[in-house]
Amino acid sequence: MQKNQIELLPAPKFLELGAARPVQRLVLSGLPEAKYRAAIAEELESRLAELNSPIKLEFADRPAPGAFNLILAAWDEKSAEARKIPFNEDSRFEQAYTLTPTSNGIILCSKGDLGLLYAAVTMRALIAPGKTACSCIRRPSRTGRTLRCAGSA
């Protein structure tokens, strides 16, 4: 991660960086009632401003065609992603999150409210000048955090 100048804290144990995907529109959708939605938007907007990006974060009820979509989604215990994070009694278990690739963006999902904010903080770190950096993880970390981001699919 250091050679790519990406700082992820807490760092996933397993991370494989893929090619960056150019982005001309960035849309946040899903979970309008999310507790930290305003903070999530602020994380993403501040990164775009920090990079002097002409891209402005847009908001929508659902993913937008032709945009790179950041989709906030509810945790599904029966999903393949949920099965990759083994249950444990650690109080941080509610902070577990995933970033899952789609053909038009990334789904941010977590066990609890704070985890969704942490997912956005991770996504923030993956935004690079002029494009959104996308990465892949091969397997879940043993600490209950996973990072799954789109490659150049």
C-alpha atoms as a PDB file:
ATOM      1  CA  MET A   1       0.000   0.000   0.000  1.00  0.00           C
ATOM      2  CA  GLN A   2       2.881   2.374   0.637  1.00  0.00           C
ATOM      3  CA  LYS A   3       4.122   2.258  -2.942  1.00  0.00           C
ATOM      4  CA  ASN A   4       0.611   3.317  -4.023  1.00  0.00           C
ATOM      5  CA  GLN A   5       0.494   6.017  -1.317  1.00  0.00           C
ATOM      6  CA  ILE A   6      -2.812   4.776   0.081  1.00  0.00           C
ATOM      7  CA  GLU A   7      -3.256   4.900   3.833  1.00  0.00           C
ATOM      8  CA  LEU A   8      -5.975   2.621   5.182  1.00  0.00           C
ATOM      9  CA  LEU A   9      -6.590   2.593   8.918  1.00  0.00           C
ATOM     10  CA  PRO A  10      -7.422   0.148  10.229  1.00  0.00           C
ATOM     11  CA  ALA A  11      -5.562  -1.702   7.508  1.00  0.00           C
ATOM     12  CA  PRO A  12      -7.074  -4.881   6.087  1.00  0.00           C
ATOM     13  CA  LYS A  13      -4.753  -7.848   6.424  1.00  0.00           C
ATOM     14  CA  PHE A  14      -5.177  -8.825   2.773  1.00  0.00           C
ATOM     15  CA  LEU A  15      -5.354  -6.254   0.023  1.00  0.00           C
ATOM     16  CA  GLU A  16      -4.682  -6.397  -3.685  1.00  0.00           C
ATOM     17  CA  LEU A  17      -4.836  -3.132  -5.600  1.00  0.00           C
ATOM     18  CA  GLY A  18      -6.419  -3.116  -9.020  1.00  0.00           C
ATOM     19  CA  ALA A  19      -6.449  -0.512 -11.744  1.00  0.00           C
ATOM     20  CA  ALA A  20      -8.004   2.874 -11.029  1.00  0.00           C
ATOM     21  CA  ARG A  21     -11.304   3.616 -12.741  1.00  0.00           C
ATOM     22  CA  PRO A  22     -11.882   7.078 -14.212  1.00  0.00           C
ATOM     23  CA  VAL A  23     -14.917   8.797 -12.699  1.00  0.00           C
ATOM     24  CA  GLN A  24     -16.850  11.727 -14.128  1.00  0.00           C
ATOM     25  CA  ARG A  25     -19.906  11.489 -11.855  1.00  0.00           C
ATOM     26  CA  LEU A  26     -19.934  10.267  -8.249  1.00  0.00           C
ATOM     27  CA  VAL A  27     -23.345   9.478  -6.764  1.00  0.00           C
ATOM     28  CA  LEU A  28     -24.195   8.503  -3.174  1.00  0.00           C
ATOM     29  CA  SER A  29     -27.436   6.580  -2.733  1.00  0.00           C
ATOM     30  CA  GLY A  30     -29.153   4.205  -0.330  1.00  0.00           C
ATOM     31  CA  LEU A  31     -30.009   4.247   3.368  1.00  0.00           C
ATOM     32  CA  PRO A  32     -31.283   7.836   3.639  1.00  0.00           C
ATOM     33  CA  GLU A  33     -31.922   7.152   7.341  1.00  0.00           C
ATOM     34  CA  ALA A  34     -28.327   6.094   8.082  1.00  0.00           C
ATOM     35  CA  LYS A  35     -27.211   7.622  11.382  1.00  0.00           C
ATOM     36  CA  TYR A  36     -23.913   8.960  10.039  1.00  0.00           C
ATOM     37  CA  ARG A  37     -25.027   9.707   6.470  1.00  0.00           C
ATOM     38  CA  ALA A  38     -24.094  13.413   6.766  1.00  0.00           C
ATOM     39  CA  ALA A  39     -20.630  12.473   8.072  1.00  0.00           C
ATOM     40  CA  ILE A  40     -20.268   9.916   5.274  1.00  0.00           C
ATOM     41  CA  ALA A  41     -21.069  12.582   2.672  1.00  0.00           C
ATOM     42  CA  GLU A  42     -18.676  14.999   4.379  1.00  0.00           C
ATOM     43  CA  GLU A  43     -15.830  12.438   4.254  1.00  0.00           C
ATOM     44  CA  LEU A  44     -16.303  11.954   0.525  1.00  0.00           C
ATOM     45  CA  GLU A  45     -16.846  15.635  -0.291  1.00  0.00           C
ATOM     46  CA  SER A  46     -13.818  16.703   1.723  1.00  0.00           C
ATOM     47  CA  ARG A  47     -11.626  14.259  -0.194  1.00  0.00           C
ATOM     48  CA  LEU A  48     -12.840  15.620  -3.526  1.00  0.00           C
ATOM     49  CA  ALA A  49     -12.163  19.173  -2.310  1.00  0.00           C
ATOM     50  CA  GLU A  50      -8.738  18.169  -0.976  1.00  0.00           C
ATOM     51  CA  LEU A  51      -7.833  16.935  -4.460  1.00  0.00           C
ATOM     52  CA  ASN A  52      -9.275  20.054  -6.132  1.00  0.00           C
ATOM     53  CA  SER A  53     -11.481  17.706  -8.124  1.00  0.00           C
ATOM     54  CA  PRO A  54     -14.088  19.183 -10.443  1.00  0.00           C
ATOM     55  CA  ILE A  55     -16.308  16.234  -9.488  1.00  0.00           C
ATOM     56  CA  LYS A  56     -19.042  17.022  -6.975  1.00  0.00           C
ATOM     57  CA  LEU A  57     -20.730  14.326  -4.919  1.00  0.00           C
ATOM     58  CA  GLU A  58     -24.316  13.909  -6.060  1.00  0.00           C
ATOM     59  CA  PHE A  59     -27.156  12.392  -4.040  1.00  0.00           C
ATOM     60  CA  ALA A  60     -29.873  10.116  -5.377  1.00  0.00           C
ATOM     61  CA  ASP A  61     -32.533   7.709  -4.151  1.00  0.00           C
ATOM     62  CA  ARG A  62     -31.015   4.924  -6.233  1.00  0.00           C
ATOM     63  CA  PRO A  63     -27.882   4.275  -8.290  1.00  0.00           C
ATOM     64  CA  ALA A  64     -27.609   6.603 -11.283  1.00  0.00           C
ATOM     65  CA  PRO A  65     -26.984   5.271 -14.797  1.00  0.00           C
ATOM     66  CA  GLY A  66     -23.627   6.333 -16.195  1.00  0.00           C
ATOM     67  CA  ALA A  67     -22.244   7.344 -12.791  1.00  0.00           C
ATOM     68  CA  PHE A  68     -19.828   5.721 -10.371  1.00  0.00           C
ATOM     69  CA  ASN A  69     -22.233   4.854  -7.559  1.00  0.00           C
ATOM     70  CA  LEU A  70     -21.428   4.592  -3.877  1.00  0.00           C
ATOM     71  CA  ILE A  71     -24.371   2.634  -2.521  1.00  0.00           C
ATOM     72  CA  LEU A  72     -25.068   2.467   1.216  1.00  0.00           C
ATOM     73  CA  ALA A  73     -26.739  -0.861   1.939  1.00  0.00           C
ATOM     74  CA  ALA A  74     -28.181  -2.685   4.929  1.00  0.00           C
ATOM     75  CA  TRP A  75     -26.300  -5.697   6.279  1.00  0.00           C
ATOM     76  CA  ASP A  76     -27.729  -9.070   5.268  1.00  0.00           C
ATOM     77  CA  GLU A  77     -26.656 -11.902   7.574  1.00  0.00           C
ATOM     78  CA  LYS A  78     -27.459 -14.420   4.819  1.00  0.00           C
ATOM     79  CA  SER A  79     -25.299 -12.761   2.170  1.00  0.00           C
ATOM     80  CA  ALA A  80     -22.042 -14.179   0.874  1.00  0.00           C
ATOM     81  CA  GLU A  81     -20.258 -11.081   2.182  1.00  0.00           C
ATOM     82  CA  ALA A  82     -21.638 -11.553   5.712  1.00  0.00           C
ATOM     83  CA  ARG A  83     -20.457 -15.156   5.777  1.00  0.00           C
ATOM     84  CA  LYS A  84     -16.902 -13.951   5.166  1.00  0.00           C
ATOM     85  CA  ILE A  85     -16.883 -12.118   8.497  1.00  0.00           C
ATOM     86  CA  PRO A  86     -17.026 -14.693  11.282  1.00  0.00           C
ATOM     87  CA  PHE A  87     -19.035 -13.745  14.347  1.00  0.00           C
ATOM     88  CA  ASN A  88     -17.092 -13.008  17.496  1.00  0.00           C
ATOM     89  CA  GLU A  89     -17.907 -11.509  20.875  1.00  0.00           C
ATOM     90  CA  ASP A  90     -15.569  -8.558  20.318  1.00  0.00           C
ATOM     91  CA  SER A  91     -17.397  -5.254  20.747  1.00  0.00           C
ATOM     92  CA  ARG A  92     -15.858  -4.111  17.447  1.00  0.00           C
ATOM     93  CA  PHE A  93     -17.867  -6.740  15.560  1.00  0.00           C
ATOM     94  CA  GLU A  94     -20.593  -4.127  14.984  1.00  0.00           C
ATOM     95  CA  GLN A  95     -17.967  -2.040  13.177  1.00  0.00           C
ATOM     96  CA  ALA A  96     -17.325  -4.718  10.542  1.00  0.00           C
ATOM     97  CA  TYR A  97     -17.906  -3.510   6.990  1.00  0.00           C
ATOM     98  CA  THR A  98     -17.466  -4.492   3.378  1.00  0.00           C
ATOM     99  CA  LEU A  99     -16.870  -2.600   0.164  1.00  0.00           C
ATOM    100  CA  THR A 100     -18.226  -4.726  -2.669  1.00  0.00           C
ATOM    101  CA  PRO A 101     -17.746  -4.034  -6.386  1.00  0.00           C
ATOM    102  CA  THR A 102     -20.564  -3.671  -8.862  1.00  0.00           C
ATOM    103  CA  SER A 103     -20.395  -2.932 -12.557  1.00  0.00           C
ATOM    104  CA  ASN A 104     -21.131   0.740 -11.855  1.00  0.00           C
ATOM    105  CA  GLY A 105     -19.628   1.430  -8.425  1.00  0.00           C
ATOM    106  CA  ILE A 106     -19.173   0.078  -4.926  1.00  0.00           C
ATOM    107  CA  ILE A 107     -21.625  -1.071  -2.256  1.00  0.00           C
ATOM    108  CA  LEU A 108     -20.717   0.070   1.263  1.00  0.00           C
ATOM    109  CA  CYS A 109     -22.262  -2.189   3.874  1.00  0.00           C
ATOM    110  CA  SER A 110     -21.695  -2.700   7.592  1.00  0.00           C
ATOM    111  CA  LYS A 111     -22.875  -4.495  10.694  1.00  0.00           C
ATOM    112  CA  GLY A 112     -23.658  -1.225  12.488  1.00  0.00           C
ATOM    113  CA  ASP A 113     -23.863   2.537  12.099  1.00  0.00           C
ATOM    114  CA  LEU A 114     -20.237   3.222  12.951  1.00  0.00           C
ATOM    115  CA  GLY A 115     -19.044   0.520  10.550  1.00  0.00           C
ATOM    116  CA  LEU A 116     -20.785   2.291   7.683  1.00  0.00           C
ATOM    117  CA  LEU A 117     -18.872   5.455   8.526  1.00  0.00           C
ATOM    118  CA  TYR A 118     -15.627   3.441   8.610  1.00  0.00           C
ATOM    119  CA  ALA A 119     -16.492   2.032   5.173  1.00  0.00           C
ATOM    120  CA  ALA A 120     -16.784   5.604   3.887  1.00  0.00           C
ATOM    121  CA  VAL A 121     -13.456   6.544   5.483  1.00  0.00           C
ATOM    122  CA  THR A 122     -11.874   3.613   3.632  1.00  0.00           C
ATOM    123  CA  MET A 123     -13.561   4.672   0.391  1.00  0.00           C
ATOM    124  CA  ARG A 124     -12.242   8.198   0.961  1.00  0.00           C
ATOM    125  CA  ALA A 125      -8.694   6.841   0.995  1.00  0.00           C
ATOM    126  CA  LEU A 126      -9.308   5.111  -2.333  1.00  0.00           C
ATOM    127  CA  ILE A 127     -10.227   8.319  -4.145  1.00  0.00           C
ATOM    128  CA  ALA A 128      -7.219   9.474  -6.153  1.00  0.00           C
ATOM    129  CA  PRO A 129      -6.709  12.613  -8.266  1.00  0.00           C
ATOM    130  CA  GLY A 130      -8.936  12.511 -11.320  1.00  0.00           C
ATOM    131  CA  LYS A 131     -10.288   9.037 -10.629  1.00  0.00           C
ATOM    132  CA  THR A 132     -11.532   6.673  -7.981  1.00  0.00           C
ATOM    133  CA  ALA A 133      -8.952   4.034  -7.097  1.00  0.00           C
ATOM    134  CA  CYS A 134     -10.439   0.585  -6.921  1.00  0.00           C
ATOM    135  CA  SER A 135      -8.956  -2.415  -5.180  1.00  0.00           C
ATOM    136  CA  CYS A 136      -9.690  -6.018  -4.388  1.00  0.00           C
ATOM    137  CA  ILE A 137      -9.197  -8.158  -1.327  1.00  0.00           C
ATOM    138  CA  ARG A 138      -8.900 -11.897  -1.692  1.00  0.00           C
ATOM    139  CA  ARG A 139     -10.279 -13.012   1.660  1.00  0.00           C
ATOM    140  CA  PRO A 140     -11.608 -11.526   4.896  1.00  0.00           C
ATOM    141  CA  SER A 141      -9.190 -10.425   7.553  1.00  0.00           C
ATOM    142  CA  ARG A 142      -9.185 -12.293  10.813  1.00  0.00           C
ATOM    143  CA  THR A 143     -10.115  -9.128  12.680  1.00  0.00           C
ATOM    144  CA  GLY A 144     -13.555  -8.990  11.104  1.00  0.00           C
ATOM    145  CA  ARG A 145     -12.850  -6.220   8.590  1.00  0.00           C
ATOM    146  CA  THR A 146     -12.990  -6.922   4.911  1.00  0.00           C
ATOM    147  CA  LEU A 147     -12.291  -4.713   1.972  1.00  0.00           C
ATOM    148  CA  ARG A 148     -13.720  -5.711  -1.358  1.00  0.00           C
ATOM    149  CA  CYS A 149     -13.531  -3.078  -4.034  1.00  0.00           C
ATOM    150  CA  ALA A 150     -13.976  -3.210  -7.749  1.00  0.00           C
ATOM    151  CA  GLY A 151     -11.126  -3.831 -10.099  1.00  0.00           C
ATOM    152  CA  SER A 152     -11.398  -2.477 -13.601  1.00  0.00           C
ATOM    153  CA  ALA A 153     -14.428  -4.622 -14.409  1.00  0.00           C
END
